[in-house]
Amino acid sequence: MGRGRNTIWMFFITVSIVVFLLLNMLLGSVSIPFSSVWNVLTGSGDEPVAWQNIILKSRLPQALTALVAGAGLSISGLQMQTIFRNPLAGPSVLGISSGASLGVAFVVLLSGKLGGVALSRLGFIGEVALSVAAIAGALSVMGLIVFASRKIRGSVTLLIIGVMIGYIANAVIGVLKFFSVEEDIKAYVIWGLGSFARVSGNQMMLFVTIMAVIIPLSFLLIKSLNLLMLDGYARNLGLNINRARVWVITCSGVLTAIVTAYCGPIIFLGLAVPHLCRAIFQTSDHRILMPTSMLVGASLALLCNLIARLPGFEGALPVNSVTALVGAPVVASVLFGKRKRNEVEI
């Protein structure tokens, strides 16, 4: 009965991804008929050049970026919540997102002050510089966390270290803002709001390719994650806990670093989706949770991207505003539902 129920849910989630993907192609400030969208995607017909550019150079890259980023952040959040046994743990819990923000802050906020040219005026070169800076900052913090995890056994202590790194990074960013020119501060704030529209062309292909390699590799950690749930039995079953913890932190950190580098710090998806999957499938088995988190995260990210640029809005809303509005009620309802179940059991 449980397996049949899970299959039905998986089917609906997969269908929702296809539906939201098509809606991302159809809806926007410019209305394009479904037949024209289909013709452009399949390369048949003779549609206006403007419509082809809108779909192939804007909507499709944006939708694919949202799909892949949502999947990556959800897997990262699931891994963090498992290893720290903390329902509020997410992709940014170890300060890795803050490290990416710090890297971007150094490049963006100092470019106008030292170089005399704001990074936002450099176009494609500026976007590449942002991505490189974010990856460098995130991986630097991740290296520090991995080093600390080898020395420290307690997960709570490691969690506190990550939070402290986040505070330090935010403090340095505040100092950089104080000494920066107004145009650079605005560019940094816009980056911090998060966007799936920032990735296009060759950047989008590189982003999707990198994530298409890392996400399947993360599935190799399913057995370790299940064993880590068994507390003292994990070591008796032959698991090297320290090594497993380093691998999980590294995988989660790389996923977070890559997504943050290309899309900015996207909040709430990695926190909300694992809770939603546990509530839907009523299991803690990562053989089920890992693929379902990937699919639900992709679907939810596509939905958020769709809401962010619904017709009637000038331009697009910041993605983080939408993910918070969607994610916060999900987390709250799941946690309240869990509390009620516990009260009934007592």
Protein backbone atom coordinates (compact mmCIF):
# COMPACT_ATOMS: atom_id res chain seq x y z
CA MET A 1 0.00 0.00 0.00
CA GLY A 2 2.80 2.41 0.99
CA ARG A 3 4.81 1.64 -2.16
CA GLY A 4 1.76 2.25 -4.39
CA ARG A 5 1.06 5.55 -2.60
CA ASN A 6 4.68 6.64 -3.08
CA THR A 7 4.52 5.75 -6.79
CA ILE A 8 1.41 7.90 -7.24
CA TRP A 9 3.09 10.85 -5.49
CA MET A 10 6.22 10.43 -7.60
CA PHE A 11 4.08 10.44 -10.75
CA PHE A 12 2.28 13.66 -9.73
CA ILE A 13 5.55 15.37 -8.79
CA THR A 14 7.12 14.43 -12.14
CA VAL A 15 4.04 15.68 -14.01
CA SER A 16 4.17 18.95 -12.02
CA ILE A 17 7.76 19.52 -13.21
CA VAL A 18 6.68 19.11 -16.86
CA VAL A 19 3.64 21.38 -16.36
CA PHE A 20 5.61 24.13 -14.57
CA LEU A 21 8.37 23.89 -17.20
CA LEU A 22 5.83 24.48 -19.98
CA LEU A 23 4.15 27.29 -18.04
CA ASN A 24 7.57 28.96 -17.64
CA MET A 25 7.81 28.90 -21.45
CA LEU A 26 4.26 30.22 -21.96
CA LEU A 27 3.74 32.89 -19.31
CA GLY A 28 5.50 36.22 -18.98
CA SER A 29 5.24 39.86 -19.90
CA VAL A 30 4.91 38.78 -23.58
CA SER A 31 2.08 36.33 -24.32
CA ILE A 32 3.17 33.53 -26.70
CA PRO A 33 0.71 30.79 -27.84
CA PHE A 34 1.47 27.18 -26.93
CA SER A 35 1.72 26.15 -30.59
CA SER A 36 4.40 28.79 -31.18
CA VAL A 37 6.31 27.73 -28.06
CA TRP A 38 6.20 24.12 -29.27
CA ASN A 39 7.40 25.11 -32.75
CA VAL A 40 10.31 27.11 -31.32
CA LEU A 41 11.38 24.30 -28.96
CA THR A 42 11.18 21.63 -31.68
CA GLY A 43 12.70 23.83 -34.40
CA SER A 44 9.68 23.53 -36.66
CA GLY A 45 7.52 26.32 -38.10
CA ASP A 46 8.47 29.90 -38.84
CA GLU A 47 7.89 31.91 -35.68
CA PRO A 48 8.85 35.60 -35.23
CA VAL A 49 12.51 36.13 -34.32
CA ALA A 50 11.49 38.10 -31.23
CA TRP A 51 9.53 35.10 -29.89
CA GLN A 52 12.42 32.75 -30.62
CA ASN A 53 14.81 35.01 -28.70
CA ILE A 54 12.42 35.32 -25.74
CA ILE A 55 12.00 31.53 -25.44
CA LEU A 56 15.48 30.28 -26.32
CA LYS A 57 17.58 33.07 -24.81
CA SER A 58 15.50 34.02 -21.78
CA ARG A 59 12.71 31.70 -20.67
CA LEU A 60 14.31 28.30 -21.40
CA PRO A 61 17.69 29.09 -19.75
CA GLN A 62 15.85 30.61 -16.77
CA ALA A 63 13.59 27.55 -16.36
CA LEU A 64 16.47 25.06 -16.68
CA THR A 65 18.54 27.06 -14.17
CA ALA A 66 15.62 27.08 -11.70
CA LEU A 67 15.05 23.34 -12.17
CA VAL A 68 18.70 22.38 -11.58
CA ALA A 69 19.28 24.90 -8.76
CA GLY A 70 16.15 23.76 -6.90
CA ALA A 71 17.21 20.12 -7.16
CA GLY A 72 20.77 20.84 -5.95
CA LEU A 73 19.74 23.02 -3.00
CA SER A 74 17.12 20.49 -1.85
CA ILE A 75 19.65 17.64 -1.83
CA SER A 76 22.12 19.86 0.02
CA GLY A 77 19.48 20.77 2.63
CA LEU A 78 18.54 17.11 3.16
CA GLN A 79 22.20 16.21 3.71
CA MET A 80 22.70 19.03 6.23
CA GLN A 81 19.54 18.17 8.19
CA THR A 82 20.59 14.52 8.36
CA ILE A 83 24.18 15.03 9.43
CA PHE A 84 23.35 17.67 12.07
CA ARG A 85 20.00 16.13 13.12
CA ASN A 86 18.60 19.64 13.09
CA PRO A 87 15.26 20.49 11.40
CA LEU A 88 16.41 24.08 10.86
CA ALA A 89 19.66 23.14 9.12
CA GLY A 90 19.89 24.18 5.48
CA PRO A 91 22.44 24.67 2.70
CA SER A 92 23.65 27.93 4.26
CA VAL A 93 24.02 26.56 7.80
CA LEU A 94 27.82 26.18 7.66
CA GLY A 95 28.46 29.70 6.40
CA ILE A 96 29.18 28.49 2.86
CA SER A 97 26.62 30.90 1.35
CA SER A 98 28.14 33.66 3.47
CA GLY A 99 31.57 32.75 2.08
CA ALA A 100 30.20 33.09 -1.46
CA SER A 101 28.65 36.44 -0.53
CA LEU A 102 31.97 37.59 0.92
CA GLY A 103 33.81 36.64 -2.28
CA VAL A 104 31.30 38.58 -4.37
CA ALA A 105 31.44 41.51 -1.95
CA PHE A 106 35.23 41.80 -2.32
CA VAL A 107 34.96 41.85 -6.11
CA VAL A 108 31.85 44.02 -6.47
CA LEU A 109 32.36 46.49 -3.65
CA LEU A 110 36.08 47.05 -4.23
CA SER A 111 35.97 47.18 -8.06
CA GLY A 112 34.61 50.73 -8.17
CA LYS A 113 36.68 51.93 -5.24
CA LEU A 114 40.04 50.56 -6.40
CA GLY A 115 39.60 50.06 -10.15
CA GLY A 116 37.44 53.06 -10.85
CA VAL A 117 34.96 50.96 -12.90
CA ALA A 118 31.84 49.40 -11.40
CA LEU A 119 31.61 45.67 -12.07
CA SER A 120 27.98 46.02 -13.15
CA ARG A 121 29.14 47.96 -16.23
CA LEU A 122 31.41 45.20 -17.51
CA GLY A 123 28.61 42.94 -18.83
CA PHE A 124 29.59 39.33 -19.46
CA ILE A 125 33.09 39.77 -17.96
CA GLY A 126 31.49 41.14 -14.81
CA GLU A 127 29.12 38.14 -14.58
CA VAL A 128 32.04 35.70 -14.95
CA ALA A 129 34.00 37.61 -12.28
CA LEU A 130 30.99 37.32 -9.93
CA SER A 131 30.73 33.55 -10.46
CA VAL A 132 34.47 32.99 -9.93
CA ALA A 133 34.50 35.17 -6.79
CA ALA A 134 31.46 33.37 -5.33
CA ILE A 135 32.93 29.92 -5.96
CA ALA A 136 36.29 30.97 -4.50
CA GLY A 137 34.67 32.40 -1.37
CA ALA A 138 32.34 29.43 -0.85
CA LEU A 139 35.03 26.79 -1.41
CA SER A 140 37.43 28.63 0.94
CA VAL A 141 34.88 28.49 3.76
CA MET A 142 34.04 24.88 2.87
CA GLY A 143 37.73 23.95 3.09
CA LEU A 144 37.86 25.55 6.53
CA ILE A 145 34.77 23.61 7.64
CA VAL A 146 36.11 20.30 6.30
CA PHE A 147 39.39 20.92 8.14
CA ALA A 148 37.47 21.67 11.35
CA SER A 149 35.30 18.56 10.90
CA ARG A 150 38.44 16.40 10.95
CA LYS A 151 39.48 17.92 14.29
CA ILE A 152 36.07 18.21 15.95
CA ARG A 153 33.81 15.22 16.58
CA GLY A 154 30.71 17.03 17.83
CA SER A 155 28.26 18.08 15.11
CA VAL A 156 26.79 20.82 17.32
CA THR A 157 30.23 22.42 17.77
CA LEU A 158 30.78 22.29 14.01
CA LEU A 159 27.38 23.89 13.50
CA ILE A 160 28.27 26.72 15.86
CA ILE A 161 31.57 27.27 14.01
CA GLY A 162 29.64 27.56 10.74
CA VAL A 163 27.26 30.12 12.24
CA MET A 164 30.22 32.13 13.59
CA ILE A 165 31.88 32.10 10.15
CA GLY A 166 28.63 33.49 8.75
CA TYR A 167 28.62 36.32 11.31
CA ILE A 168 32.27 37.17 10.57
CA ALA A 169 31.61 37.21 6.81
CA ASN A 170 28.59 39.51 7.27
CA ALA A 171 30.67 41.82 9.47
CA VAL A 172 33.38 42.11 6.80
CA ILE A 173 30.72 42.72 4.14
CA GLY A 174 29.29 45.53 6.28
CA VAL A 175 32.72 47.20 6.48
CA LEU A 176 33.19 46.86 2.70
CA LYS A 177 29.76 48.43 2.12
CA PHE A 178 30.68 51.39 4.30
CA PHE A 179 33.72 52.22 2.15
CA SER A 180 32.13 51.46 -1.22
CA VAL A 181 30.48 53.68 -3.82
CA GLU A 182 26.70 53.69 -4.14
CA GLU A 183 26.57 51.97 -7.55
CA ASP A 184 28.60 49.00 -6.30
CA ILE A 185 26.43 48.64 -3.19
CA LYS A 186 23.31 48.55 -5.38
CA ALA A 187 24.87 45.86 -7.62
CA TYR A 188 25.75 43.75 -4.57
CA VAL A 189 22.25 44.10 -3.05
CA ILE A 190 20.64 43.03 -6.35
CA TRP A 191 22.94 39.98 -6.49
CA GLY A 192 21.96 39.12 -2.91
CA LEU A 193 18.25 39.03 -3.81
CA GLY A 194 18.85 35.91 -5.91
CA SER A 195 17.81 35.34 -9.51
CA PHE A 196 17.48 32.44 -11.94
CA ALA A 197 17.63 34.92 -14.84
CA ARG A 198 21.30 35.77 -14.33
CA VAL A 199 22.50 32.58 -16.06
CA SER A 200 22.27 32.49 -19.86
CA GLY A 201 23.99 31.09 -22.95
CA ASN A 202 27.29 29.32 -22.34
CA GLN A 203 27.10 30.02 -18.59
CA MET A 204 23.80 28.16 -18.38
CA MET A 205 25.23 25.15 -20.24
CA LEU A 206 28.26 25.07 -17.94
CA PHE A 207 26.07 25.39 -14.82
CA VAL A 208 23.69 22.61 -15.90
CA THR A 209 26.61 20.35 -16.91
CA ILE A 210 28.41 20.80 -13.57
CA MET A 211 25.22 20.13 -11.59
CA ALA A 212 24.36 17.13 -13.81
CA VAL A 213 27.65 15.59 -12.68
CA ILE A 214 27.52 16.52 -8.97
CA ILE A 215 23.86 15.62 -8.29
CA PRO A 216 24.17 11.95 -9.40
CA LEU A 217 27.42 11.67 -7.41
CA SER A 218 25.55 12.80 -4.28
CA PHE A 219 23.36 9.68 -4.59
CA LEU A 220 26.44 7.59 -3.74
CA LEU A 221 26.10 8.93 -0.16
CA ILE A 222 22.61 7.49 0.38
CA LYS A 223 23.87 4.43 2.29
CA SER A 224 26.14 6.57 4.51
CA LEU A 225 23.28 8.97 5.29
CA ASN A 226 21.01 6.08 6.29
CA LEU A 227 23.72 4.63 8.54
CA LEU A 228 24.36 8.05 10.14
CA MET A 229 20.71 8.01 11.27
CA LEU A 230 21.43 4.92 13.41
CA ASP A 231 23.47 6.75 16.07
CA GLY A 232 25.85 4.33 17.83
CA TYR A 233 25.12 1.43 15.47
CA ALA A 234 26.75 3.15 12.47
CA ARG A 235 30.29 2.42 13.65
CA ASN A 236 29.39 -1.20 14.47
CA LEU A 237 28.07 -1.59 10.92
CA GLY A 238 31.47 -0.63 9.51
CA LEU A 239 30.90 3.08 8.73
CA ASN A 240 33.83 5.44 9.21
CA ILE A 241 31.76 8.27 10.72
CA ASN A 242 34.38 11.02 10.38
CA ARG A 243 35.07 10.18 6.74
CA ALA A 244 31.36 9.95 5.94
CA ARG A 245 30.73 13.32 7.60
CA VAL A 246 33.53 14.95 5.56
CA TRP A 247 32.12 13.54 2.31
CA VAL A 248 28.57 14.69 3.10
CA ILE A 249 29.73 18.20 4.09
CA THR A 250 31.90 18.42 0.96
CA CYS A 251 29.06 17.33 -1.34
CA SER A 252 26.54 19.67 0.27
CA GLY A 253 29.06 22.52 0.26
CA VAL A 254 29.94 22.13 -3.43
CA LEU A 255 26.25 22.05 -4.41
CA THR A 256 25.59 25.21 -2.38
CA ALA A 257 28.71 26.95 -3.71
CA ILE A 258 27.89 26.32 -7.38
CA VAL A 259 24.23 27.37 -7.07
CA THR A 260 25.12 30.48 -5.06
CA ALA A 261 27.82 31.43 -7.56
CA TYR A 262 25.43 31.37 -10.50
CA CYS A 263 22.09 32.36 -8.93
CA GLY A 264 22.98 34.27 -5.77
CA PRO A 265 22.01 33.10 -2.27
CA ILE A 266 18.63 31.34 -2.73
CA ILE A 267 16.90 30.93 0.62
CA PHE A 268 14.29 28.51 2.03
CA LEU A 269 14.24 25.92 -0.80
CA GLY A 270 16.93 23.74 0.81
CA LEU A 271 15.26 24.13 4.21
CA ALA A 272 11.64 23.55 3.20
CA VAL A 273 11.80 20.75 0.61
CA PRO A 274 13.25 17.94 2.84
CA HIS A 275 10.51 18.62 5.43
CA LEU A 276 7.87 18.54 2.71
CA CYS A 277 9.19 15.21 1.38
CA ARG A 278 9.28 13.62 4.84
CA ALA A 279 5.66 14.73 5.40
CA ILE A 280 4.47 13.45 2.00
CA PHE A 281 6.29 10.10 1.96
CA GLN A 282 6.36 9.57 5.77
CA THR A 283 9.81 8.02 5.80
CA SER A 284 13.38 8.79 6.84
CA ASP A 285 14.87 6.38 4.26
CA HIS A 286 17.24 8.37 2.04
CA ARG A 287 16.68 5.91 -0.83
CA ILE A 288 13.27 7.59 -1.09
CA LEU A 289 14.05 11.04 0.32
CA MET A 290 17.04 11.80 -1.95
CA PRO A 291 15.30 11.37 -5.34
CA THR A 292 12.03 12.88 -4.10
CA SER A 293 13.83 15.92 -2.63
CA MET A 294 15.54 16.41 -5.98
CA LEU A 295 12.22 16.29 -7.87
CA VAL A 296 10.18 18.35 -5.39
CA GLY A 297 12.97 20.95 -5.22
CA ALA A 298 13.02 21.23 -9.01
CA SER A 299 9.22 21.58 -9.13
CA LEU A 300 9.07 24.14 -6.33
CA ALA A 301 11.88 26.24 -7.86
CA LEU A 302 10.04 26.30 -11.21
CA LEU A 303 6.86 27.39 -9.41
CA CYS A 304 8.73 30.18 -7.58
CA ASN A 305 10.34 31.34 -10.82
CA LEU A 306 6.90 31.37 -12.46
CA ILE A 307 5.37 33.46 -9.66
CA ALA A 308 8.35 35.86 -9.73
CA ARG A 309 7.67 36.87 -13.33
CA LEU A 310 3.91 36.50 -13.71
CA PRO A 311 2.25 38.84 -16.21
CA GLY A 312 1.45 42.20 -14.66
CA PHE A 313 4.79 42.61 -12.90
CA GLU A 314 7.31 45.02 -14.34
CA GLY A 315 10.41 42.90 -14.88
CA ALA A 316 10.56 40.18 -12.22
CA LEU A 317 10.22 39.96 -8.46
CA PRO A 318 13.29 38.91 -6.46
CA VAL A 319 13.29 35.10 -6.27
CA ASN A 320 14.10 35.14 -2.55
CA SER A 321 10.89 37.06 -1.84
CA VAL A 322 8.88 34.30 -3.51
CA THR A 323 10.85 31.35 -2.03
CA ALA A 324 10.36 32.80 1.47
CA LEU A 325 6.62 33.26 0.90
CA VAL A 326 6.30 29.68 -0.37
CA GLY A 327 8.89 27.99 1.88
CA ALA A 328 8.10 29.52 5.28
CA PRO A 329 4.45 28.28 5.43
CA VAL A 330 5.62 24.82 4.28
CA VAL A 331 8.17 24.52 7.09
CA ALA A 332 5.74 25.95 9.67
CA SER A 333 2.88 23.61 8.68
CA VAL A 334 5.14 20.53 8.67
CA LEU A 335 6.61 21.36 12.10
CA PHE A 336 3.15 22.09 13.58
CA GLY A 337 1.83 18.84 12.08
CA LYS A 338 4.73 16.92 13.64
CA ARG A 339 4.08 18.55 17.01
CA LYS A 340 0.39 17.58 16.87
CA ARG A 341 1.28 13.97 16.00
CA ASN A 342 3.67 13.82 18.97
CA GLU A 343 0.95 15.18 21.28
CA VAL A 344 -1.50 12.53 20.03
CA GLU A 345 1.07 9.78 20.61
CA ILE A 346 1.68 11.02 24.18
